[in-house]
């Protein structure tokens, strides 16, 4: 998520409307960003993301929660979504399990 947050602040100021605490998190991502650790688990930029920020801008949680949040986006009229999976450095066993849960528990629930 740090890599995606970076796009909103890569020129030093936040693009778009955000709450003050979100602005602080975007600024922290900008200040901590290490391109040599781009999209990697444990990167300096990843450590700046608060649970509230992740909840606001990402879709995380149980399969039911993820299906509900994705379904809400579909209900708004979105018909194309880009879903990213585990990043570099993720535990391979956990990454495979997460991808399997997504395919078997989340996707069928939003069709």
Protein backbone atom coordinates (compact mmCIF):
# COMPACT_ATOMS: atom_id res chain seq x y z
CA UNK A 1 0.00 0.00 0.00
CA UNK A 2 2.96 2.32 0.59
CA UNK A 3 3.81 2.20 -3.11
CA UNK A 4 0.29 3.29 -4.04
CA UNK A 5 0.19 5.98 -1.35
CA UNK A 6 3.41 7.36 -2.78
CA UNK A 7 1.67 8.27 -6.04
CA UNK A 8 -0.55 10.71 -4.14
CA UNK A 9 2.41 12.49 -2.58
CA UNK A 10 5.40 11.81 -4.81
CA UNK A 11 5.91 15.48 -5.65
CA UNK A 12 5.99 16.51 -1.99
CA UNK A 13 2.39 17.55 -1.44
CA UNK A 14 -0.77 15.49 -1.24
CA UNK A 15 -2.93 15.35 -4.36
CA UNK A 16 -6.61 15.42 -3.55
CA UNK A 17 -8.69 15.98 -0.44
CA UNK A 18 -7.66 14.10 2.70
CA UNK A 19 -8.21 14.39 6.42
CA UNK A 20 -5.39 15.96 8.49
CA UNK A 21 -4.22 12.63 9.96
CA UNK A 22 -4.23 11.09 6.47
CA UNK A 23 -2.17 14.04 5.24
CA UNK A 24 0.37 13.27 7.98
CA UNK A 25 0.57 9.63 6.90
CA UNK A 26 1.01 10.57 3.25
CA UNK A 27 3.81 12.97 4.26
CA UNK A 28 5.45 10.20 6.30
CA UNK A 29 5.29 7.86 3.29
CA UNK A 30 6.93 10.55 1.15
CA UNK A 31 9.67 11.23 3.67
CA UNK A 32 10.43 7.56 4.34
CA UNK A 33 10.15 6.23 0.78
CA UNK A 34 13.07 4.04 -0.27
CA UNK A 35 12.93 3.11 -3.96
CA UNK A 36 15.33 0.22 -3.36
CA UNK A 37 12.60 -1.33 -1.16
CA UNK A 38 9.70 -0.49 -3.52
CA UNK A 39 6.72 -2.84 -2.88
CA UNK A 40 8.63 -4.90 -0.31
CA UNK A 41 7.49 -6.18 3.04
CA UNK A 42 9.24 -4.35 5.87
CA UNK A 43 10.11 -1.27 3.81
CA UNK A 44 10.50 2.06 5.59
CA UNK A 45 7.44 3.41 3.79
CA UNK A 46 5.30 0.45 4.83
CA UNK A 47 6.13 1.11 8.47
CA UNK A 48 4.59 4.60 8.23
CA UNK A 49 1.11 3.28 7.41
CA UNK A 50 -1.29 3.38 10.33
CA UNK A 51 -4.04 0.78 10.80
CA UNK A 52 -6.61 3.55 10.22
CA UNK A 53 -4.95 4.55 6.94
CA UNK A 54 -4.84 0.94 5.75
CA UNK A 55 -8.50 0.46 6.65
CA UNK A 56 -9.49 3.68 4.84
CA UNK A 57 -7.56 3.16 1.61
CA UNK A 58 -7.19 -0.61 1.39
CA UNK A 59 -9.39 -3.64 1.56
CA UNK A 60 -8.17 -5.91 4.32
CA UNK A 61 -9.67 -8.33 6.78
CA UNK A 62 -11.62 -11.54 6.74
CA UNK A 63 -12.85 -12.95 3.43
CA UNK A 64 -16.33 -11.75 4.37
CA UNK A 65 -15.12 -8.22 5.07
CA UNK A 66 -13.13 -8.08 1.83
CA UNK A 67 -16.08 -9.40 -0.19
CA UNK A 68 -18.39 -6.82 1.39
CA UNK A 69 -16.01 -3.92 0.69
CA UNK A 70 -15.41 -5.05 -2.90
CA UNK A 71 -19.15 -5.56 -3.36
CA UNK A 72 -19.76 -2.02 -2.13
CA UNK A 73 -17.42 -0.73 -4.85
CA UNK A 74 -19.22 -2.78 -7.49
CA UNK A 75 -22.54 -1.42 -6.20
CA UNK A 76 -21.19 2.10 -6.75
CA UNK A 77 -20.80 1.25 -10.42
CA UNK A 78 -17.17 0.22 -10.66
CA UNK A 79 -16.83 -2.60 -13.15
CA UNK A 80 -13.05 -2.97 -13.22
CA UNK A 81 -10.94 -3.40 -10.12
CA UNK A 82 -7.21 -4.01 -9.85
CA UNK A 83 -6.33 -6.34 -7.02
CA UNK A 84 -2.73 -6.72 -5.92
CA UNK A 85 -1.49 -9.72 -4.05
CA UNK A 86 1.35 -10.36 -1.65
CA UNK A 87 4.47 -8.25 -2.12
CA UNK A 88 8.14 -9.09 -2.25
CA UNK A 89 9.27 -10.59 1.00
CA UNK A 90 5.89 -11.97 2.02
CA UNK A 91 5.97 -15.40 3.63
CA UNK A 92 5.43 -17.80 0.67
CA UNK A 93 3.14 -20.14 2.61
CA UNK A 94 0.99 -17.30 3.88
CA UNK A 95 0.96 -15.67 0.44
CA UNK A 96 -0.31 -18.86 -1.21
CA UNK A 97 -2.96 -19.26 1.48
CA UNK A 98 -4.12 -15.66 1.06
CA UNK A 99 -4.37 -16.03 -2.72
CA UNK A 100 -6.31 -19.27 -2.32
CA UNK A 101 -8.74 -17.64 0.16
CA UNK A 102 -9.24 -14.74 -2.22
CA UNK A 103 -10.00 -17.08 -5.13
CA UNK A 104 -12.26 -19.45 -3.20
CA UNK A 105 -13.96 -17.21 -0.62
CA UNK A 106 -13.87 -13.59 -1.79
CA UNK A 107 -14.33 -13.67 -5.56
CA UNK A 108 -17.33 -16.03 -5.55
CA UNK A 109 -19.05 -13.77 -3.01
CA UNK A 110 -18.90 -10.69 -5.27
CA UNK A 111 -20.03 -12.25 -8.53
